[in-house]
Amino acid sequence: MEYLIRNCEITDLPKLLVLLQKHAEFEKAEFSSEGKEENLKNALFSENPKLFCLVVATKETIVGYVSYTFDFSTWDASTFLYMDCLFLEEEARSFGIGEVLIEKLKEIGTQNNCVNIQWQTPEFNERAIKFYKRIGAKGKDKVRFTLTL
């Protein structure tokens, strides 16, 4: 598969929303696209972005993405890169693209003096867990809570 990994562009937002919906469905989560394109535009493309995103682009479209933020760890007293989402369309899997995306995040994290990369995945996502362990990541069992405001 021929592809290019590049920064997300404003023109990618409609397709990114489609990928977000597919990702939510994959993770058995609810998803509404209402207001998301504008919110993502503000988060990604403002003067001080809150969110960063790389896309996997083919000649025709984008087939995957990884989004991330920078956060601060109290325990480490250091900045870390938080990988919010990593998703590839089914036809883009098994080409090593996920590993290339993680390598890009490692470079970005190193350039930004991050102590580590952190992320989470559902327990049922056995394929991703196997991949993450293969690249040397270590899991921590925790329960994630959400309190709606």
N, C-alpha and C. Protein backbone atom coordinates (compact mmCIF):
# COMPACT_ATOMS: atom_id res chain seq x y z
N MET A 1 0.85 -1.19 0.00
CA MET A 1 0.00 0.00 0.00
C MET A 1 0.88 1.24 0.00
N GLU A 2 0.65 2.14 -0.93
CA GLU A 2 1.38 3.40 -0.97
C GLU A 2 0.66 4.42 -0.12
N TYR A 3 1.40 5.05 0.78
CA TYR A 3 0.79 6.04 1.67
C TYR A 3 1.85 7.04 2.11
N LEU A 4 1.36 8.14 2.64
CA LEU A 4 2.20 9.21 3.18
C LEU A 4 1.64 9.58 4.54
N ILE A 5 2.50 9.74 5.51
CA ILE A 5 2.06 10.23 6.81
C ILE A 5 2.39 11.72 6.86
N ARG A 6 1.36 12.52 7.13
CA ARG A 6 1.54 13.97 7.15
C ARG A 6 0.63 14.57 8.21
N ASN A 7 0.86 15.84 8.50
CA ASN A 7 -0.01 16.55 9.43
C ASN A 7 -1.41 16.66 8.84
N CYS A 8 -2.38 16.59 9.70
CA CYS A 8 -3.78 16.77 9.29
C CYS A 8 -3.94 18.20 8.76
N GLU A 9 -4.71 18.33 7.69
CA GLU A 9 -5.01 19.63 7.10
C GLU A 9 -6.50 19.91 7.26
N ILE A 10 -6.87 21.16 7.19
CA ILE A 10 -8.28 21.54 7.36
C ILE A 10 -9.17 20.78 6.37
N THR A 11 -8.69 20.57 5.16
CA THR A 11 -9.49 19.87 4.15
C THR A 11 -9.70 18.39 4.49
N ASP A 12 -8.93 17.85 5.44
CA ASP A 12 -9.08 16.46 5.86
C ASP A 12 -10.23 16.28 6.86
N LEU A 13 -10.73 17.37 7.43
CA LEU A 13 -11.68 17.25 8.53
C LEU A 13 -12.94 16.44 8.20
N PRO A 14 -13.58 16.62 7.03
CA PRO A 14 -14.76 15.80 6.75
C PRO A 14 -14.45 14.29 6.77
N LYS A 15 -13.34 13.88 6.15
CA LYS A 15 -12.97 12.47 6.14
C LYS A 15 -12.52 12.02 7.53
N LEU A 16 -11.86 12.91 8.27
CA LEU A 16 -11.45 12.57 9.64
C LEU A 16 -12.67 12.25 10.49
N LEU A 17 -13.74 13.01 10.31
CA LEU A 17 -14.98 12.73 11.04
C LEU A 17 -15.51 11.34 10.73
N VAL A 18 -15.42 10.92 9.47
CA VAL A 18 -15.84 9.57 9.09
C VAL A 18 -14.99 8.53 9.82
N LEU A 19 -13.69 8.77 9.86
CA LEU A 19 -12.79 7.85 10.57
C LEU A 19 -13.08 7.83 12.07
N LEU A 20 -13.39 9.00 12.63
CA LEU A 20 -13.73 9.06 14.06
C LEU A 20 -14.97 8.22 14.35
N GLN A 21 -15.96 8.31 13.48
CA GLN A 21 -17.18 7.52 13.66
C GLN A 21 -16.87 6.03 13.59
N LYS A 22 -16.06 5.62 12.61
CA LYS A 22 -15.69 4.21 12.48
C LYS A 22 -14.90 3.75 13.70
N HIS A 23 -14.03 4.61 14.20
CA HIS A 23 -13.24 4.27 15.40
C HIS A 23 -14.18 4.08 16.59
N ALA A 24 -15.12 4.98 16.76
CA ALA A 24 -16.08 4.86 17.86
C ALA A 24 -16.88 3.57 17.74
N GLU A 25 -17.34 3.24 16.54
CA GLU A 25 -18.07 2.00 16.33
C GLU A 25 -17.21 0.79 16.68
N PHE A 26 -15.94 0.82 16.27
CA PHE A 26 -15.01 -0.26 16.57
C PHE A 26 -14.86 -0.45 18.08
N GLU A 27 -14.84 0.67 18.81
CA GLU A 27 -14.68 0.60 20.26
C GLU A 27 -16.02 0.51 21.00
N LYS A 28 -17.09 0.29 20.23
CA LYS A 28 -18.43 0.11 20.81
C LYS A 28 -18.84 1.32 21.65
N ALA A 29 -18.54 2.50 21.13
CA ALA A 29 -18.83 3.75 21.84
C ALA A 29 -19.85 4.56 21.03
N GLU A 30 -20.58 5.39 21.72
CA GLU A 30 -21.52 6.27 21.04
C GLU A 30 -20.75 7.40 20.37
N PHE A 31 -21.32 7.91 19.28
CA PHE A 31 -20.66 8.99 18.56
C PHE A 31 -21.71 9.86 17.89
N SER A 32 -21.55 11.14 18.03
CA SER A 32 -22.37 12.11 17.30
C SER A 32 -21.41 13.09 16.64
N SER A 33 -21.62 13.36 15.37
CA SER A 33 -20.72 14.29 14.67
C SER A 33 -21.12 15.74 14.88
N GLU A 34 -22.21 15.98 15.58
CA GLU A 34 -22.73 17.34 15.76
C GLU A 34 -21.70 18.26 16.41
N GLY A 35 -21.33 19.33 15.70
CA GLY A 35 -20.40 20.33 16.21
C GLY A 35 -18.95 19.90 16.23
N LYS A 36 -18.66 18.67 15.88
CA LYS A 36 -17.30 18.17 16.01
C LYS A 36 -16.33 18.77 15.00
N GLU A 37 -16.78 18.98 13.76
CA GLU A 37 -15.86 19.51 12.76
C GLU A 37 -15.34 20.88 13.18
N GLU A 38 -16.22 21.74 13.65
CA GLU A 38 -15.81 23.08 14.09
C GLU A 38 -14.92 22.99 15.33
N ASN A 39 -15.28 22.13 16.27
CA ASN A 39 -14.46 21.97 17.49
C ASN A 39 -13.07 21.42 17.16
N LEU A 40 -13.01 20.46 16.25
CA LEU A 40 -11.71 19.91 15.84
C LEU A 40 -10.89 20.97 15.11
N LYS A 41 -11.55 21.74 14.26
CA LYS A 41 -10.86 22.82 13.54
C LYS A 41 -10.22 23.77 14.54
N ASN A 42 -10.96 24.15 15.57
CA ASN A 42 -10.42 25.06 16.59
C ASN A 42 -9.29 24.42 17.39
N ALA A 43 -9.46 23.15 17.74
CA ALA A 43 -8.45 22.47 18.56
C ALA A 43 -7.15 22.22 17.79
N LEU A 44 -7.28 21.91 16.50
CA LEU A 44 -6.11 21.55 15.69
C LEU A 44 -5.41 22.74 15.04
N PHE A 45 -6.19 23.77 14.67
CA PHE A 45 -5.63 24.81 13.80
C PHE A 45 -5.64 26.20 14.41
N SER A 46 -5.86 26.31 15.72
CA SER A 46 -5.81 27.61 16.36
C SER A 46 -4.34 28.04 16.54
N GLU A 47 -4.16 29.25 17.01
CA GLU A 47 -2.80 29.75 17.23
C GLU A 47 -2.03 28.90 18.24
N ASN A 48 -2.73 28.43 19.27
CA ASN A 48 -2.15 27.53 20.27
C ASN A 48 -2.95 26.23 20.29
N PRO A 49 -2.63 25.29 19.39
CA PRO A 49 -3.43 24.07 19.27
C PRO A 49 -3.47 23.26 20.57
N LYS A 50 -4.63 22.68 20.85
CA LYS A 50 -4.79 21.78 22.00
C LYS A 50 -4.59 20.35 21.57
N LEU A 51 -4.75 20.08 20.29
CA LEU A 51 -4.70 18.73 19.74
C LEU A 51 -3.82 18.74 18.50
N PHE A 52 -3.14 17.61 18.29
CA PHE A 52 -2.29 17.44 17.12
C PHE A 52 -2.71 16.14 16.45
N CYS A 53 -2.56 16.07 15.12
CA CYS A 53 -3.04 14.90 14.41
C CYS A 53 -2.19 14.65 13.17
N LEU A 54 -1.79 13.41 13.01
CA LEU A 54 -1.14 12.95 11.78
C LEU A 54 -2.15 12.07 11.05
N VAL A 55 -2.16 12.14 9.74
CA VAL A 55 -3.04 11.29 8.95
C VAL A 55 -2.22 10.40 8.03
N VAL A 56 -2.83 9.27 7.69
CA VAL A 56 -2.25 8.34 6.73
C VAL A 56 -2.99 8.59 5.42
N ALA A 57 -2.28 9.20 4.47
CA ALA A 57 -2.90 9.63 3.22
C ALA A 57 -2.48 8.72 2.07
N THR A 58 -3.46 8.32 1.27
CA THR A 58 -3.20 7.65 0.00
C THR A 58 -3.45 8.69 -1.08
N LYS A 59 -3.33 8.30 -2.33
CA LYS A 59 -3.59 9.25 -3.42
C LYS A 59 -5.03 9.75 -3.38
N GLU A 60 -5.95 8.88 -2.97
CA GLU A 60 -7.37 9.21 -3.04
C GLU A 60 -7.93 9.85 -1.77
N THR A 61 -7.47 9.41 -0.60
CA THR A 61 -8.14 9.78 0.65
C THR A 61 -7.21 9.57 1.84
N ILE A 62 -7.74 9.71 3.03
CA ILE A 62 -6.98 9.34 4.22
C ILE A 62 -7.58 8.06 4.78
N VAL A 63 -6.72 7.16 5.22
CA VAL A 63 -7.16 5.83 5.66
C VAL A 63 -6.84 5.58 7.13
N GLY A 64 -6.32 6.59 7.81
CA GLY A 64 -6.02 6.42 9.22
C GLY A 64 -5.53 7.72 9.82
N TYR A 65 -5.43 7.70 11.15
CA TYR A 65 -4.96 8.88 11.85
C TYR A 65 -4.44 8.49 13.23
N VAL A 66 -3.63 9.36 13.77
CA VAL A 66 -3.23 9.28 15.16
C VAL A 66 -3.32 10.71 15.71
N SER A 67 -3.99 10.86 16.83
CA SER A 67 -4.11 12.18 17.45
C SER A 67 -3.43 12.13 18.81
N TYR A 68 -2.90 13.30 19.23
CA TYR A 68 -2.15 13.32 20.48
C TYR A 68 -2.16 14.71 21.08
N THR A 69 -1.86 14.74 22.36
CA THR A 69 -1.73 15.98 23.11
C THR A 69 -0.47 15.89 23.96
N PHE A 70 -0.11 16.99 24.56
CA PHE A 70 0.98 17.01 25.53
C PHE A 70 0.37 17.27 26.90
N ASP A 71 0.81 16.53 27.88
CA ASP A 71 0.28 16.67 29.23
C ASP A 71 1.43 16.61 30.22
N PHE A 72 1.11 16.80 31.48
CA PHE A 72 2.15 16.82 32.52
C PHE A 72 1.83 15.75 33.55
N SER A 73 2.84 14.94 33.88
CA SER A 73 2.70 13.88 34.88
C SER A 73 3.18 14.37 36.23
N THR A 74 2.30 14.32 37.20
CA THR A 74 2.69 14.70 38.57
C THR A 74 3.75 13.74 39.09
N TRP A 75 3.53 12.44 38.90
CA TRP A 75 4.47 11.44 39.43
C TRP A 75 5.85 11.57 38.81
N ASP A 76 5.90 11.83 37.50
CA ASP A 76 7.19 11.96 36.83
C ASP A 76 7.73 13.39 36.89
N ALA A 77 6.86 14.34 37.25
CA ALA A 77 7.20 15.76 37.24
C ALA A 77 7.79 16.14 35.88
N SER A 78 7.17 15.61 34.82
CA SER A 78 7.64 15.82 33.46
C SER A 78 6.48 15.80 32.47
N THR A 79 6.75 16.36 31.31
CA THR A 79 5.77 16.33 30.23
C THR A 79 5.76 14.95 29.58
N PHE A 80 4.56 14.50 29.17
CA PHE A 80 4.45 13.28 28.39
C PHE A 80 3.54 13.53 27.20
N LEU A 81 3.70 12.68 26.20
CA LEU A 81 2.84 12.73 25.02
C LEU A 81 1.71 11.73 25.27
N TYR A 82 0.47 12.20 25.13
CA TYR A 82 -0.68 11.31 25.29
C TYR A 82 -1.26 11.02 23.91
N MET A 83 -1.22 9.75 23.52
CA MET A 83 -1.82 9.34 22.25
C MET A 83 -3.31 9.14 22.50
N ASP A 84 -4.10 10.06 22.00
CA ASP A 84 -5.54 10.00 22.24
C ASP A 84 -6.20 8.92 21.39
N CYS A 85 -5.90 8.89 20.11
CA CYS A 85 -6.50 7.91 19.21
C CYS A 85 -5.48 7.45 18.17
N LEU A 86 -5.57 6.18 17.82
CA LEU A 86 -4.85 5.63 16.68
C LEU A 86 -5.84 4.71 15.99
N PHE A 87 -6.13 4.99 14.73
CA PHE A 87 -7.10 4.18 14.00
C PHE A 87 -6.69 4.07 12.55
N LEU A 88 -6.82 2.85 12.02
CA LEU A 88 -6.58 2.59 10.61
C LEU A 88 -7.79 1.86 10.04
N GLU A 89 -8.18 2.24 8.83
CA GLU A 89 -9.22 1.51 8.13
C GLU A 89 -8.77 0.05 8.00
N GLU A 90 -9.72 -0.85 7.93
CA GLU A 90 -9.41 -2.28 7.84
C GLU A 90 -8.41 -2.59 6.73
N GLU A 91 -8.61 -1.97 5.55
CA GLU A 91 -7.72 -2.26 4.42
C GLU A 91 -6.31 -1.70 4.59
N ALA A 92 -6.11 -0.85 5.60
CA ALA A 92 -4.79 -0.27 5.84
C ALA A 92 -4.03 -0.99 6.96
N ARG A 93 -4.64 -2.01 7.52
CA ARG A 93 -4.01 -2.75 8.61
C ARG A 93 -3.09 -3.84 8.05
N SER A 94 -2.13 -4.24 8.87
CA SER A 94 -1.17 -5.32 8.55
C SER A 94 -0.11 -4.91 7.53
N PHE A 95 0.11 -3.61 7.37
CA PHE A 95 1.19 -3.12 6.50
C PHE A 95 2.32 -2.47 7.31
N GLY A 96 2.22 -2.52 8.65
CA GLY A 96 3.24 -1.90 9.49
C GLY A 96 3.02 -0.41 9.68
N ILE A 97 1.88 0.12 9.26
CA ILE A 97 1.62 1.56 9.35
C ILE A 97 1.49 1.99 10.82
N GLY A 98 0.87 1.17 11.64
CA GLY A 98 0.74 1.50 13.06
C GLY A 98 2.10 1.70 13.71
N GLU A 99 3.03 0.83 13.39
CA GLU A 99 4.37 0.95 13.95
C GLU A 99 5.07 2.22 13.45
N VAL A 100 4.85 2.57 12.19
CA VAL A 100 5.43 3.81 11.66
C VAL A 100 4.83 5.02 12.40
N LEU A 101 3.53 4.99 12.66
CA LEU A 101 2.89 6.08 13.39
C LEU A 101 3.47 6.20 14.81
N ILE A 102 3.65 5.08 15.48
CA ILE A 102 4.24 5.10 16.83
C ILE A 102 5.66 5.66 16.77
N GLU A 103 6.43 5.27 15.76
CA GLU A 103 7.80 5.80 15.61
C GLU A 103 7.77 7.32 15.43
N LYS A 104 6.81 7.81 14.64
CA LYS A 104 6.67 9.27 14.47
C LYS A 104 6.36 9.93 15.81
N LEU A 105 5.47 9.31 16.60
CA LEU A 105 5.15 9.88 17.92
C LEU A 105 6.36 9.85 18.83
N LYS A 106 7.17 8.81 18.75
CA LYS A 106 8.40 8.75 19.56
C LYS A 106 9.33 9.91 19.20
N GLU A 107 9.45 10.19 17.91
CA GLU A 107 10.28 11.31 17.46
C GLU A 107 9.73 12.63 17.99
N ILE A 108 8.42 12.82 17.86
CA ILE A 108 7.78 14.05 18.33
C ILE A 108 7.94 14.19 19.83
N GLY A 109 7.73 13.09 20.56
CA GLY A 109 7.89 13.12 22.02
C GLY A 109 9.31 13.47 22.43
N THR A 110 10.28 12.89 21.75
CA THR A 110 11.68 13.18 22.05
C THR A 110 12.00 14.65 21.77
N GLN A 111 11.53 15.16 20.63
CA GLN A 111 11.77 16.57 20.27
C GLN A 111 11.14 17.53 21.28
N ASN A 112 10.08 17.09 21.96
CA ASN A 112 9.39 17.94 22.92
C ASN A 112 9.72 17.59 24.38
N ASN A 113 10.84 16.89 24.56
CA ASN A 113 11.34 16.53 25.90
C ASN A 113 10.32 15.78 26.74
N CYS A 114 9.57 14.89 26.11
CA CYS A 114 8.60 14.08 26.83
C CYS A 114 9.29 12.88 27.47
N VAL A 115 8.82 12.51 28.65
CA VAL A 115 9.40 11.39 29.38
C VAL A 115 8.87 10.06 28.86
N ASN A 116 7.65 10.05 28.31
CA ASN A 116 7.08 8.83 27.75
C ASN A 116 5.86 9.16 26.89
N ILE A 117 5.31 8.11 26.31
CA ILE A 117 4.04 8.19 25.59
C ILE A 117 3.06 7.33 26.38
N GLN A 118 1.87 7.85 26.59
CA GLN A 118 0.84 7.10 27.29
C GLN A 118 -0.40 7.02 26.41
N TRP A 119 -1.17 5.93 26.59
CA TRP A 119 -2.43 5.76 25.87
C TRP A 119 -3.21 4.64 26.54
N GLN A 120 -4.39 4.40 26.03
CA GLN A 120 -5.21 3.31 26.52
C GLN A 120 -5.96 2.69 25.36
N THR A 121 -6.39 1.47 25.56
CA THR A 121 -7.19 0.77 24.56
C THR A 121 -8.16 -0.14 25.30
N PRO A 122 -9.31 -0.43 24.72
CA PRO A 122 -10.25 -1.32 25.40
C PRO A 122 -9.66 -2.72 25.60
N GLU A 123 -10.05 -3.37 26.69
CA GLU A 123 -9.56 -4.72 26.99
C GLU A 123 -9.85 -5.70 25.87
N PHE A 124 -10.96 -5.51 25.15
CA PHE A 124 -11.34 -6.45 24.10
C PHE A 124 -10.54 -6.27 22.81
N ASN A 125 -9.76 -5.20 22.71
CA ASN A 125 -8.99 -4.94 21.49
C ASN A 125 -7.68 -5.74 21.54
N GLU A 126 -7.83 -7.05 21.46
CA GLU A 126 -6.68 -7.96 21.63
C GLU A 126 -5.61 -7.76 20.56
N ARG A 127 -6.03 -7.44 19.34
CA ARG A 127 -5.06 -7.23 18.26
C ARG A 127 -4.15 -6.05 18.58
N ALA A 128 -4.75 -4.95 19.06
CA ALA A 128 -3.96 -3.77 19.42
C ALA A 128 -3.06 -4.06 20.61
N ILE A 129 -3.59 -4.76 21.61
CA ILE A 129 -2.79 -5.08 22.80
C ILE A 129 -1.58 -5.92 22.42
N LYS A 130 -1.78 -6.89 21.55
CA LYS A 130 -0.67 -7.73 21.07
C LYS A 130 0.37 -6.86 20.35
N PHE A 131 -0.10 -5.93 19.50
CA PHE A 131 0.79 -5.01 18.78
C PHE A 131 1.57 -4.14 19.77
N TYR A 132 0.89 -3.55 20.74
CA TYR A 132 1.55 -2.67 21.69
C TYR A 132 2.61 -3.41 22.51
N LYS A 133 2.31 -4.63 22.90
CA LYS A 133 3.29 -5.43 23.64
C LYS A 133 4.48 -5.77 22.76
N ARG A 134 4.21 -6.07 21.48
CA ARG A 134 5.29 -6.42 20.56
C ARG A 134 6.28 -5.27 20.38
N ILE A 135 5.79 -4.02 20.42
CA ILE A 135 6.70 -2.87 20.24
C ILE A 135 7.34 -2.44 21.55
N GLY A 136 7.06 -3.18 22.63
CA GLY A 136 7.73 -2.91 23.90
C GLY A 136 6.95 -2.09 24.91
N ALA A 137 5.68 -1.81 24.63
CA ALA A 137 4.87 -1.05 25.59
C ALA A 137 4.44 -1.97 26.74
N LYS A 138 4.25 -1.38 27.89
CA LYS A 138 3.81 -2.12 29.06
C LYS A 138 2.45 -1.58 29.51
N GLY A 139 1.53 -2.47 29.81
CA GLY A 139 0.19 -2.07 30.22
C GLY A 139 0.08 -1.92 31.72
N LYS A 140 -0.86 -1.10 32.14
CA LYS A 140 -1.20 -0.94 33.55
C LYS A 140 -2.71 -1.14 33.67
N ASP A 141 -3.11 -2.00 34.59
CA ASP A 141 -4.54 -2.21 34.79
C ASP A 141 -5.11 -1.10 35.64
N LYS A 142 -6.02 -0.36 35.05
CA LYS A 142 -6.73 0.71 35.75
C LYS A 142 -8.13 0.74 35.20
N VAL A 143 -9.04 1.32 35.94
CA VAL A 143 -10.40 1.52 35.45
C VAL A 143 -10.54 2.99 35.10
N ARG A 144 -10.97 3.26 33.89
CA ARG A 144 -11.15 4.64 33.46
C ARG A 144 -12.59 5.07 33.77
N PHE A 145 -12.73 6.23 34.37
CA PHE A 145 -14.03 6.78 34.69
C PHE A 145 -14.29 8.03 33.88
N THR A 146 -15.54 8.30 33.60
CA THR A 146 -15.97 9.54 32.95
C THR A 146 -17.11 10.11 33.76
N LEU A 147 -17.00 11.38 34.11
CA LEU A 147 -18.05 12.08 34.83
C LEU A 147 -18.58 13.17 33.91
N THR A 148 -19.79 13.01 33.44
CA THR A 148 -20.36 13.96 32.49
C THR A 148 -20.67 15.28 33.19
N LEU A 149 -20.32 16.37 32.53
CA LEU A 149 -20.56 17.72 33.09
C LEU A 149 -21.70 18.39 32.35
